[in-house]
């Protein structure tokens, strides 16, 4: 346990550029922390400064983690650039944005992480359900065509997957992507059959941002919200995770940190090598060490 704590403290020092000094920790110390150490000023507050852009998040006080529920698009692999390219191409043909390519702000606020039905309802309110479904199917086929050879796992993901296996933690993929897309991306990552369950938003009564997809995943895996971690990259998905009661982690592959903390994310990570995230999952120092050294 001591070795694990020291590893987490060292990684926090590397992240913040500051050192720990011997002292009794304040009430809101970074978890976990040996009783003989004090944190630097930027870590004593219950909100932790994570990046040079001064994104701040609350430190987890979560109980033992028994399950991790991952979004897919933008969370397991950085697929958003491909989606962005597809939407630029197809929306321009439909005359959206005065026939000019949409920008990243439009994509982040109107599209990223949202269900196709809701996107079409907002962009094409005059379309029938059947017309929206045909367009969505065409869009997703175009995504799969352009994504070949472009999708890579987020750094540290494979090591975290290995850690989950060693620690016996349950795992699910929970996504608003259509099943064909979800299975395509998971196959590219070599993880189609690895998850204990896969929940597709379109196949639920309600998709994200409703918490139902995450509630269904927890029910299938026999998990309580207080022992579950959700990882999300979009405001829509993060809202679903937060409302499900799970500890929700925001991964910064496409959104600004303030956007994700604004909907309730408790921890922000750039990738899966984040020391605080890994420490929540690692059952012992050996597991923690194997991820942080990867």
C-alpha atoms as a PDB file:
ATOM      1  CA  UNK A   1       0.000   0.000   0.000  1.00  0.00           C
ATOM      2  CA  UNK A   2       2.862   2.352   0.821  1.00  0.00           C
ATOM      3  CA  UNK A   3       4.462   1.737  -2.583  1.00  0.00           C
ATOM      4  CA  UNK A   4       1.164   2.414  -4.317  1.00  0.00           C
ATOM      5  CA  UNK A   5       0.704   5.705  -2.438  1.00  0.00           C
ATOM      6  CA  UNK A   6       4.208   6.858  -3.237  1.00  0.00           C
ATOM      7  CA  UNK A   7       3.644   6.081  -6.952  1.00  0.00           C
ATOM      8  CA  UNK A   8       0.447   8.132  -7.007  1.00  0.00           C
ATOM      9  CA  UNK A   9       2.138  11.018  -5.192  1.00  0.00           C
ATOM     10  CA  UNK A  10       5.098  10.971  -7.568  1.00  0.00           C
ATOM     11  CA  UNK A  11       2.772  11.059 -10.589  1.00  0.00           C
ATOM     12  CA  UNK A  12       0.843  13.944  -9.046  1.00  0.00           C
ATOM     13  CA  UNK A  13       4.113  15.803  -8.555  1.00  0.00           C
ATOM     14  CA  UNK A  14       5.032  15.232 -12.196  1.00  0.00           C
ATOM     15  CA  UNK A  15       1.578  16.428 -13.310  1.00  0.00           C
ATOM     16  CA  UNK A  16       1.606  19.605 -11.195  1.00  0.00           C
ATOM     17  CA  UNK A  17       5.311  20.362 -11.261  1.00  0.00           C
ATOM     18  CA  UNK A  18       5.316  20.661  -7.448  1.00  0.00           C
ATOM     19  CA  UNK A  19       6.588  18.441  -4.671  1.00  0.00           C
ATOM     20  CA  UNK A  20       5.140  16.955  -1.509  1.00  0.00           C
ATOM     21  CA  UNK A  21       6.647  17.805   1.862  1.00  0.00           C
ATOM     22  CA  UNK A  22       6.318  15.972   5.225  1.00  0.00           C
ATOM     23  CA  UNK A  23       3.357  17.187   7.236  1.00  0.00           C
ATOM     24  CA  UNK A  24      -0.095  16.126   8.398  1.00  0.00           C
ATOM     25  CA  UNK A  25      -2.475  16.208   5.413  1.00  0.00           C
ATOM     26  CA  UNK A  26      -5.440  18.601   5.399  1.00  0.00           C
ATOM     27  CA  UNK A  27      -8.990  17.226   5.349  1.00  0.00           C
ATOM     28  CA  UNK A  28      -9.276  17.401   1.559  1.00  0.00           C
ATOM     29  CA  UNK A  29      -6.010  15.639   0.714  1.00  0.00           C
ATOM     30  CA  UNK A  30      -5.488  13.859  -2.582  1.00  0.00           C
ATOM     31  CA  UNK A  31      -6.634  10.269  -2.270  1.00  0.00           C
ATOM     32  CA  UNK A  32      -4.699   8.129  -1.399  1.00  0.00           C
ATOM     33  CA  UNK A  33      -2.093   9.954   0.729  1.00  0.00           C
ATOM     34  CA  UNK A  34       0.194   8.692   3.531  1.00  0.00           C
ATOM     35  CA  UNK A  35      -0.437  10.366   6.862  1.00  0.00           C
ATOM     36  CA  UNK A  36       3.101  11.793   6.950  1.00  0.00           C
ATOM     37  CA  UNK A  37       2.821  13.847   3.784  1.00  0.00           C
ATOM     38  CA  UNK A  38       1.351  17.238   2.931  1.00  0.00           C
ATOM     39  CA  UNK A  39       0.177  18.215  -0.515  1.00  0.00           C
ATOM     40  CA  UNK A  40       1.269  21.349  -2.316  1.00  0.00           C
ATOM     41  CA  UNK A  41      -1.182  24.290  -2.192  1.00  0.00           C
ATOM     42  CA  UNK A  42      -2.706  23.542  -5.607  1.00  0.00           C
ATOM     43  CA  UNK A  43      -3.801  20.090  -4.391  1.00  0.00           C
ATOM     44  CA  UNK A  44      -5.071  20.918  -0.895  1.00  0.00           C
ATOM     45  CA  UNK A  45      -8.391  22.178  -2.166  1.00  0.00           C
ATOM     46  CA  UNK A  46     -10.991  19.485  -3.028  1.00  0.00           C
ATOM     47  CA  UNK A  47     -10.729  20.618  -6.644  1.00  0.00           C
ATOM     48  CA  UNK A  48      -7.544  19.499  -8.374  1.00  0.00           C
ATOM     49  CA  UNK A  49      -5.750  21.570 -11.009  1.00  0.00           C
ATOM     50  CA  UNK A  50      -5.059  19.175 -13.864  1.00  0.00           C
ATOM     51  CA  UNK A  51      -3.637  21.174 -16.754  1.00  0.00           C
ATOM     52  CA  UNK A  52      -1.890  24.373 -17.727  1.00  0.00           C
ATOM     53  CA  UNK A  53      -5.227  25.762 -18.857  1.00  0.00           C
ATOM     54  CA  UNK A  54      -6.344  25.605 -15.209  1.00  0.00           C
ATOM     55  CA  UNK A  55      -9.070  23.027 -15.719  1.00  0.00           C
ATOM     56  CA  UNK A  56     -10.132  21.971 -12.233  1.00  0.00           C
ATOM     57  CA  UNK A  57     -11.986  18.876 -11.100  1.00  0.00           C
ATOM     58  CA  UNK A  58     -13.082  17.414  -7.815  1.00  0.00           C
ATOM     59  CA  UNK A  59     -11.032  14.558  -6.418  1.00  0.00           C
ATOM     60  CA  UNK A  60     -12.815  11.245  -6.166  1.00  0.00           C
ATOM     61  CA  UNK A  61     -13.973   9.903  -2.824  1.00  0.00           C
ATOM     62  CA  UNK A  62     -15.558   6.926  -4.562  1.00  0.00           C
ATOM     63  CA  UNK A  63     -15.843   3.560  -2.851  1.00  0.00           C
ATOM     64  CA  UNK A  64     -14.241   0.380  -4.187  1.00  0.00           C
ATOM     65  CA  UNK A  65     -14.773   0.164  -7.929  1.00  0.00           C
ATOM     66  CA  UNK A  66     -16.482  -3.022  -9.143  1.00  0.00           C
ATOM     67  CA  UNK A  67     -17.393  -1.910 -12.642  1.00  0.00           C
ATOM     68  CA  UNK A  68     -16.291   0.511 -15.359  1.00  0.00           C
ATOM     69  CA  UNK A  69     -18.704   1.556 -18.107  1.00  0.00           C
ATOM     70  CA  UNK A  70     -17.057   3.043 -21.198  1.00  0.00           C
ATOM     71  CA  UNK A  71     -18.554   5.121 -23.950  1.00  0.00           C
ATOM     72  CA  UNK A  72     -17.075   4.123 -27.336  1.00  0.00           C
ATOM     73  CA  UNK A  73     -16.834   7.040 -29.784  1.00  0.00           C
ATOM     74  CA  UNK A  74     -14.119   9.432 -28.620  1.00  0.00           C
ATOM     75  CA  UNK A  75     -13.624   7.490 -25.381  1.00  0.00           C
ATOM     76  CA  UNK A  76     -11.984   4.235 -26.448  1.00  0.00           C
ATOM     77  CA  UNK A  77     -10.656   5.652 -29.710  1.00  0.00           C
ATOM     78  CA  UNK A  78     -10.445   9.196 -31.029  1.00  0.00           C
ATOM     79  CA  UNK A  79     -13.122   8.783 -33.689  1.00  0.00           C
ATOM     80  CA  UNK A  80     -14.464  12.324 -33.563  1.00  0.00           C
ATOM     81  CA  UNK A  81     -12.140  13.661 -36.311  1.00  0.00           C
ATOM     82  CA  UNK A  82     -13.642  11.105 -38.712  1.00  0.00           C
ATOM     83  CA  UNK A  83     -17.199  11.955 -37.641  1.00  0.00           C
ATOM     84  CA  UNK A  84     -16.378  15.645 -38.061  1.00  0.00           C
ATOM     85  CA  UNK A  85     -15.144  15.040 -41.601  1.00  0.00           C
ATOM     86  CA  UNK A  86     -18.280  13.074 -42.494  1.00  0.00           C
ATOM     87  CA  UNK A  87     -20.647  15.689 -41.081  1.00  0.00           C
ATOM     88  CA  UNK A  88     -18.787  18.494 -42.842  1.00  0.00           C
ATOM     89  CA  UNK A  89     -19.167  16.660 -46.140  1.00  0.00           C
ATOM     90  CA  UNK A  90     -22.812  15.626 -45.803  1.00  0.00           C
ATOM     91  CA  UNK A  91     -24.249  18.708 -44.094  1.00  0.00           C
ATOM     92  CA  UNK A  92     -22.697  20.947 -46.722  1.00  0.00           C
ATOM     93  CA  UNK A  93     -24.590  18.953 -49.364  1.00  0.00           C
ATOM     94  CA  UNK A  94     -27.818  19.501 -47.423  1.00  0.00           C
ATOM     95  CA  UNK A  95     -27.243  23.278 -47.303  1.00  0.00           C
ATOM     96  CA  UNK A  96     -26.716  23.432 -43.552  1.00  0.00           C
ATOM     97  CA  UNK A  97     -24.618  26.429 -42.406  1.00  0.00           C
ATOM     98  CA  UNK A  98     -25.393  28.169 -45.699  1.00  0.00           C
ATOM     99  CA  UNK A  99     -23.684  25.404 -47.630  1.00  0.00           C
ATOM    100  CA  UNK A 100     -20.343  25.993 -45.911  1.00  0.00           C
ATOM    101  CA  UNK A 101     -18.414  23.341 -43.900  1.00  0.00           C
ATOM    102  CA  UNK A 102     -19.412  23.340 -40.237  1.00  0.00           C
ATOM    103  CA  UNK A 103     -16.714  24.285 -37.721  1.00  0.00           C
ATOM    104  CA  UNK A 104     -15.588  22.399 -34.619  1.00  0.00           C
ATOM    105  CA  UNK A 105     -17.766  24.489 -32.305  1.00  0.00           C
ATOM    106  CA  UNK A 106     -20.872  23.510 -34.298  1.00  0.00           C
ATOM    107  CA  UNK A 107     -19.789  19.869 -34.160  1.00  0.00           C
ATOM    108  CA  UNK A 108     -19.083  19.884 -30.416  1.00  0.00           C
ATOM    109  CA  UNK A 109     -22.307  21.634 -29.448  1.00  0.00           C
ATOM    110  CA  UNK A 110     -24.818  20.204 -31.925  1.00  0.00           C
ATOM    111  CA  UNK A 111     -23.520  16.747 -32.811  1.00  0.00           C
ATOM    112  CA  UNK A 112     -20.841  15.104 -30.655  1.00  0.00           C
ATOM    113  CA  UNK A 113     -22.155  12.234 -28.536  1.00  0.00           C
ATOM    114  CA  UNK A 114     -25.797  12.753 -29.490  1.00  0.00           C
ATOM    115  CA  UNK A 115     -28.206  10.182 -30.865  1.00  0.00           C
ATOM    116  CA  UNK A 116     -28.803  10.388 -34.631  1.00  0.00           C
ATOM    117  CA  UNK A 117     -32.535  10.836 -34.164  1.00  0.00           C
ATOM    118  CA  UNK A 118     -32.004  13.921 -32.003  1.00  0.00           C
ATOM    119  CA  UNK A 119     -29.396  15.371 -34.372  1.00  0.00           C
ATOM    120  CA  UNK A 120     -31.748  15.016 -37.341  1.00  0.00           C
ATOM    121  CA  UNK A 121     -34.676  16.431 -35.372  1.00  0.00           C
ATOM    122  CA  UNK A 122     -32.677  19.598 -34.666  1.00  0.00           C
ATOM    123  CA  UNK A 123     -31.032  19.981 -38.089  1.00  0.00           C
ATOM    124  CA  UNK A 124     -33.855  18.736 -40.300  1.00  0.00           C
ATOM    125  CA  UNK A 125     -37.129  19.352 -38.426  1.00  0.00           C
ATOM    126  CA  UNK A 126     -39.099  19.062 -41.673  1.00  0.00           C
ATOM    127  CA  UNK A 127     -37.904  15.500 -42.380  1.00  0.00           C
ATOM    128  CA  UNK A 128     -39.991  12.426 -41.720  1.00  0.00           C
ATOM    129  CA  UNK A 129     -38.685   9.739 -39.373  1.00  0.00           C
ATOM    130  CA  UNK A 130     -38.046   7.468 -42.352  1.00  0.00           C
ATOM    131  CA  UNK A 131     -36.057  10.141 -44.191  1.00  0.00           C
ATOM    132  CA  UNK A 132     -33.950  10.837 -41.090  1.00  0.00           C
ATOM    133  CA  UNK A 133     -33.256   7.122 -40.637  1.00  0.00           C
ATOM    134  CA  UNK A 134     -32.166   6.712 -44.276  1.00  0.00           C
ATOM    135  CA  UNK A 135     -29.834   9.691 -44.029  1.00  0.00           C
ATOM    136  CA  UNK A 136     -28.385   8.443 -40.725  1.00  0.00           C
ATOM    137  CA  UNK A 137     -27.693   4.992 -42.175  1.00  0.00           C
ATOM    138  CA  UNK A 138     -25.942   6.582 -45.145  1.00  0.00           C
ATOM    139  CA  UNK A 139     -23.906   8.784 -42.807  1.00  0.00           C
ATOM    140  CA  UNK A 140     -22.809   5.868 -40.638  1.00  0.00           C
ATOM    141  CA  UNK A 141     -21.793   3.835 -43.697  1.00  0.00           C
ATOM    142  CA  UNK A 142     -19.675   6.775 -44.837  1.00  0.00           C
ATOM    143  CA  UNK A 143     -18.078   6.920 -41.376  1.00  0.00           C
ATOM    144  CA  UNK A 144     -17.103   3.249 -41.507  1.00  0.00           C
ATOM    145  CA  UNK A 145     -15.665   3.776 -44.989  1.00  0.00           C
ATOM    146  CA  UNK A 146     -13.487   6.734 -43.954  1.00  0.00           C
ATOM    147  CA  UNK A 147     -12.510   5.281 -40.564  1.00  0.00           C
ATOM    148  CA  UNK A 148     -10.633   2.273 -41.956  1.00  0.00           C
ATOM    149  CA  UNK A 149      -7.035   2.527 -40.830  1.00  0.00           C
ATOM    150  CA  UNK A 150      -7.620   5.738 -38.859  1.00  0.00           C
ATOM    151  CA  UNK A 151      -8.926   4.523 -35.494  1.00  0.00           C
ATOM    152  CA  UNK A 152      -6.337   4.034 -32.756  1.00  0.00           C
ATOM    153  CA  UNK A 153      -6.880   3.309 -29.036  1.00  0.00           C
ATOM    154  CA  UNK A 154      -6.464   6.210 -26.635  1.00  0.00           C
ATOM    155  CA  UNK A 155      -2.972   6.026 -25.008  1.00  0.00           C
ATOM    156  CA  UNK A 156      -2.937   3.789 -21.949  1.00  0.00           C
ATOM    157  CA  UNK A 157      -6.194   2.040 -22.872  1.00  0.00           C
ATOM    158  CA  UNK A 158      -4.708  -1.414 -23.394  1.00  0.00           C
ATOM    159  CA  UNK A 159      -2.886  -1.243 -20.069  1.00  0.00           C
ATOM    160  CA  UNK A 160      -6.109  -0.225 -18.288  1.00  0.00           C
ATOM    161  CA  UNK A 161      -7.967  -3.095 -19.962  1.00  0.00           C
ATOM    162  CA  UNK A 162      -5.296  -5.472 -18.683  1.00  0.00           C
ATOM    163  CA  UNK A 163      -5.591  -3.950 -15.200  1.00  0.00           C
ATOM    164  CA  UNK A 164      -9.373  -4.482 -15.212  1.00  0.00           C
ATOM    165  CA  UNK A 165      -8.885  -8.140 -16.121  1.00  0.00           C
ATOM    166  CA  UNK A 166      -6.317  -8.676 -13.376  1.00  0.00           C
ATOM    167  CA  UNK A 167      -8.442  -6.875 -10.793  1.00  0.00           C
ATOM    168  CA  UNK A 168     -11.642  -8.715 -11.753  1.00  0.00           C
ATOM    169  CA  UNK A 169     -13.526  -5.477 -12.467  1.00  0.00           C
ATOM    170  CA  UNK A 170     -16.629  -5.756 -14.638  1.00  0.00           C
ATOM    171  CA  UNK A 171     -16.789  -3.713 -17.833  1.00  0.00           C
ATOM    172  CA  UNK A 172     -19.369  -2.569 -20.370  1.00  0.00           C
ATOM    173  CA  UNK A 173     -19.473  -0.522 -23.556  1.00  0.00           C
ATOM    174  CA  UNK A 174     -22.394   1.923 -23.498  1.00  0.00           C
ATOM    175  CA  UNK A 175     -22.869   4.005 -26.622  1.00  0.00           C
ATOM    176  CA  UNK A 176     -25.269   6.112 -28.662  1.00  0.00           C
ATOM    177  CA  UNK A 177     -23.592   4.820 -31.815  1.00  0.00           C
ATOM    178  CA  UNK A 178     -25.680   2.443 -33.951  1.00  0.00           C
ATOM    179  CA  UNK A 179     -24.817  -1.210 -33.396  1.00  0.00           C
ATOM    180  CA  UNK A 180     -23.003  -1.547 -36.730  1.00  0.00           C
ATOM    181  CA  UNK A 181     -20.717   1.352 -35.853  1.00  0.00           C
ATOM    182  CA  UNK A 182     -20.171   0.209 -32.276  1.00  0.00           C
ATOM    183  CA  UNK A 183     -19.249  -3.308 -33.364  1.00  0.00           C
ATOM    184  CA  UNK A 184     -17.042  -1.909 -36.123  1.00  0.00           C
ATOM    185  CA  UNK A 185     -15.041   0.244 -33.675  1.00  0.00           C
ATOM    186  CA  UNK A 186     -14.773  -2.489 -31.052  1.00  0.00           C
ATOM    187  CA  UNK A 187     -13.603  -4.926 -33.736  1.00  0.00           C
ATOM    188  CA  UNK A 188     -10.923  -2.479 -34.877  1.00  0.00           C
ATOM    189  CA  UNK A 189      -9.730  -2.328 -31.257  1.00  0.00           C
ATOM    190  CA  UNK A 190      -9.845  -6.129 -30.983  1.00  0.00           C
ATOM    191  CA  UNK A 191     -12.352  -5.911 -28.108  1.00  0.00           C
ATOM    192  CA  UNK A 192     -15.709  -6.871 -29.599  1.00  0.00           C
ATOM    193  CA  UNK A 193     -16.064  -9.934 -27.364  1.00  0.00           C
ATOM    194  CA  UNK A 194     -14.135  -8.564 -24.384  1.00  0.00           C
ATOM    195  CA  UNK A 195     -16.844  -6.503 -22.685  1.00  0.00           C
ATOM    196  CA  UNK A 196     -19.256  -8.211 -20.309  1.00  0.00           C
ATOM    197  CA  UNK A 197     -22.110  -6.415 -22.035  1.00  0.00           C
ATOM    198  CA  UNK A 198     -22.702  -3.839 -24.771  1.00  0.00           C
ATOM    199  CA  UNK A 199     -25.596  -1.381 -24.467  1.00  0.00           C
ATOM    200  CA  UNK A 200     -26.763   0.494 -27.584  1.00  0.00           C
ATOM    201  CA  UNK A 201     -28.709   3.713 -26.997  1.00  0.00           C
ATOM    202  CA  UNK A 202     -30.953   3.172 -30.026  1.00  0.00           C
ATOM    203  CA  UNK A 203     -32.028  -0.156 -28.555  1.00  0.00           C
ATOM    204  CA  UNK A 204     -33.076   1.378 -25.222  1.00  0.00           C
ATOM    205  CA  UNK A 205     -36.369   3.124 -24.563  1.00  0.00           C
ATOM    206  CA  UNK A 206     -34.327   6.292 -24.044  1.00  0.00           C
ATOM    207  CA  UNK A 207     -30.761   7.032 -25.211  1.00  0.00           C
ATOM    208  CA  UNK A 208     -28.179   9.363 -23.681  1.00  0.00           C
ATOM    209  CA  UNK A 209     -28.409  12.025 -22.264  1.00  0.00           C
ATOM    210  CA  UNK A 210     -31.007   9.984 -20.378  1.00  0.00           C
ATOM    211  CA  UNK A 211     -29.285   7.744 -17.792  1.00  0.00           C
ATOM    212  CA  UNK A 212     -31.215   4.654 -18.932  1.00  0.00           C
ATOM    213  CA  UNK A 213     -28.381   3.078 -21.013  1.00  0.00           C
ATOM    214  CA  UNK A 214     -26.036   3.234 -18.014  1.00  0.00           C
ATOM    215  CA  UNK A 215     -28.730   2.022 -15.650  1.00  0.00           C
ATOM    216  CA  UNK A 216     -29.324  -0.957 -17.934  1.00  0.00           C
ATOM    217  CA  UNK A 217     -25.591  -1.746 -17.985  1.00  0.00           C
ATOM    218  CA  UNK A 218     -25.410  -1.618 -14.172  1.00  0.00           C
ATOM    219  CA  UNK A 219     -28.474  -3.835 -13.881  1.00  0.00           C
ATOM    220  CA  UNK A 220     -27.001  -6.421 -16.246  1.00  0.00           C
ATOM    221  CA  UNK A 221     -23.700  -6.484 -14.353  1.00  0.00           C
ATOM    222  CA  UNK A 222     -25.209  -6.415 -10.869  1.00  0.00           C
ATOM    223  CA  UNK A 223     -23.592  -3.094  -9.992  1.00  0.00           C
ATOM    224  CA  UNK A 224     -24.668  -0.260  -7.715  1.00  0.00           C
ATOM    225  CA  UNK A 225     -23.998   3.340  -8.827  1.00  0.00           C
ATOM    226  CA  UNK A 226     -21.664   3.995  -5.904  1.00  0.00           C
ATOM    227  CA  UNK A 227     -19.318   1.204  -7.046  1.00  0.00           C
ATOM    228  CA  UNK A 228     -19.402   2.142 -10.738  1.00  0.00           C
ATOM    229  CA  UNK A 229     -17.208   4.440 -12.837  1.00  0.00           C
ATOM    230  CA  UNK A 230     -18.396   5.884 -16.155  1.00  0.00           C
ATOM    231  CA  UNK A 231     -15.930   7.264 -18.734  1.00  0.00           C
ATOM    232  CA  UNK A 232     -17.321   9.735 -21.268  1.00  0.00           C
ATOM    233  CA  UNK A 233     -16.082  12.340 -23.747  1.00  0.00           C
ATOM    234  CA  UNK A 234     -19.277  14.268 -24.585  1.00  0.00           C
ATOM    235  CA  UNK A 235     -21.684  16.452 -22.579  1.00  0.00           C
ATOM    236  CA  UNK A 236     -24.586  14.218 -23.610  1.00  0.00           C
ATOM    237  CA  UNK A 237     -22.904  11.042 -22.417  1.00  0.00           C
ATOM    238  CA  UNK A 238     -21.445  12.621 -19.298  1.00  0.00           C
ATOM    239  CA  UNK A 239     -24.886  13.922 -18.329  1.00  0.00           C
ATOM    240  CA  UNK A 240     -26.208  10.363 -18.604  1.00  0.00           C
ATOM    241  CA  UNK A 241     -23.372   9.034 -16.472  1.00  0.00           C
ATOM    242  CA  UNK A 242     -23.822  11.663 -13.770  1.00  0.00           C
ATOM    243  CA  UNK A 243     -27.592  11.180 -13.628  1.00  0.00           C
ATOM    244  CA  UNK A 244     -27.118   7.422 -13.300  1.00  0.00           C
ATOM    245  CA  UNK A 245     -25.367   8.091  -9.992  1.00  0.00           C
ATOM    246  CA  UNK A 246     -21.997   6.687 -11.120  1.00  0.00           C
ATOM    247  CA  UNK A 247     -18.700   8.482 -10.597  1.00  0.00           C
ATOM    248  CA  UNK A 248     -18.236  10.066 -14.014  1.00  0.00           C
ATOM    249  CA  UNK A 249     -14.848  10.695 -15.604  1.00  0.00           C
ATOM    250  CA  UNK A 250     -14.482  13.044 -18.559  1.00  0.00           C
ATOM    251  CA  UNK A 251     -11.824  12.272 -21.154  1.00  0.00           C
ATOM    252  CA  UNK A 252     -10.620  15.327 -23.067  1.00  0.00           C
ATOM    253  CA  UNK A 253     -10.459  14.033 -26.616  1.00  0.00           C
ATOM    254  CA  UNK A 254     -12.885  16.556 -28.103  1.00  0.00           C
ATOM    255  CA  UNK A 255     -14.483  18.804 -25.482  1.00  0.00           C
ATOM    256  CA  UNK A 256     -13.216  21.587 -23.249  1.00  0.00           C
ATOM    257  CA  UNK A 257     -12.761  20.592 -19.625  1.00  0.00           C
ATOM    258  CA  UNK A 258     -15.193  23.227 -18.388  1.00  0.00           C
ATOM    259  CA  UNK A 259     -17.899  21.705 -20.592  1.00  0.00           C
ATOM    260  CA  UNK A 260     -17.547  18.291 -18.951  1.00  0.00           C
ATOM    261  CA  UNK A 261     -17.190  19.536 -15.377  1.00  0.00           C
ATOM    262  CA  UNK A 262     -20.174  21.756 -16.065  1.00  0.00           C
ATOM    263  CA  UNK A 263     -22.411  18.694 -16.463  1.00  0.00           C
ATOM    264  CA  UNK A 264     -20.950  16.997 -13.389  1.00  0.00           C
ATOM    265  CA  UNK A 265     -17.763  15.091 -14.277  1.00  0.00           C
ATOM    266  CA  UNK A 266     -15.685  14.582 -11.124  1.00  0.00           C
ATOM    267  CA  UNK A 267     -12.358  13.852 -12.788  1.00  0.00           C
ATOM    268  CA  UNK A 268     -10.823  14.935 -16.097  1.00  0.00           C
ATOM    269  CA  UNK A 269      -8.182  12.883 -17.884  1.00  0.00           C
ATOM    270  CA  UNK A 270      -6.232  13.430 -21.093  1.00  0.00           C
ATOM    271  CA  UNK A 271      -5.712   9.701 -21.586  1.00  0.00           C
ATOM    272  CA  UNK A 272      -5.717   6.453 -19.610  1.00  0.00           C
ATOM    273  CA  UNK A 273      -2.301   7.009 -18.070  1.00  0.00           C
ATOM    274  CA  UNK A 274      -3.741   9.487 -15.568  1.00  0.00           C
ATOM    275  CA  UNK A 275      -2.491   8.532 -12.092  1.00  0.00           C
ATOM    276  CA  UNK A 276      -5.670   9.410 -10.193  1.00  0.00           C
ATOM    277  CA  UNK A 277      -7.837   7.413 -12.594  1.00  0.00           C
ATOM    278  CA  UNK A 278      -5.567   4.371 -12.503  1.00  0.00           C
ATOM    279  CA  UNK A 279      -5.336   4.490  -8.701  1.00  0.00           C
ATOM    280  CA  UNK A 280      -9.130   4.161  -8.455  1.00  0.00           C
ATOM    281  CA  UNK A 281      -8.968   0.880 -10.356  1.00  0.00           C
ATOM    282  CA  UNK A 282      -5.713  -0.729  -9.177  1.00  0.00           C
ATOM    283  CA  UNK A 283      -6.147  -3.301  -6.435  1.00  0.00           C
ATOM    284  CA  UNK A 284      -2.492  -3.332  -5.449  1.00  0.00           C
ATOM    285  CA  UNK A 285       0.832  -1.621  -6.132  1.00  0.00           C
ATOM    286  CA  UNK A 286       1.845  -4.143  -8.792  1.00  0.00           C
ATOM    287  CA  UNK A 287      -1.233  -3.382 -10.916  1.00  0.00           C
ATOM    288  CA  UNK A 288      -0.755   0.356 -10.492  1.00  0.00           C
ATOM    289  CA  UNK A 289       2.930   0.141 -11.344  1.00  0.00           C
ATOM    290  CA  UNK A 290       2.263  -1.869 -14.518  1.00  0.00           C
ATOM    291  CA  UNK A 291       0.023   0.845 -15.975  1.00  0.00           C
ATOM    292  CA  UNK A 292       1.997   3.902 -14.927  1.00  0.00           C
ATOM    293  CA  UNK A 293       5.242   2.475 -16.332  1.00  0.00           C
ATOM    294  CA  UNK A 294       3.689   1.429 -19.664  1.00  0.00           C
END
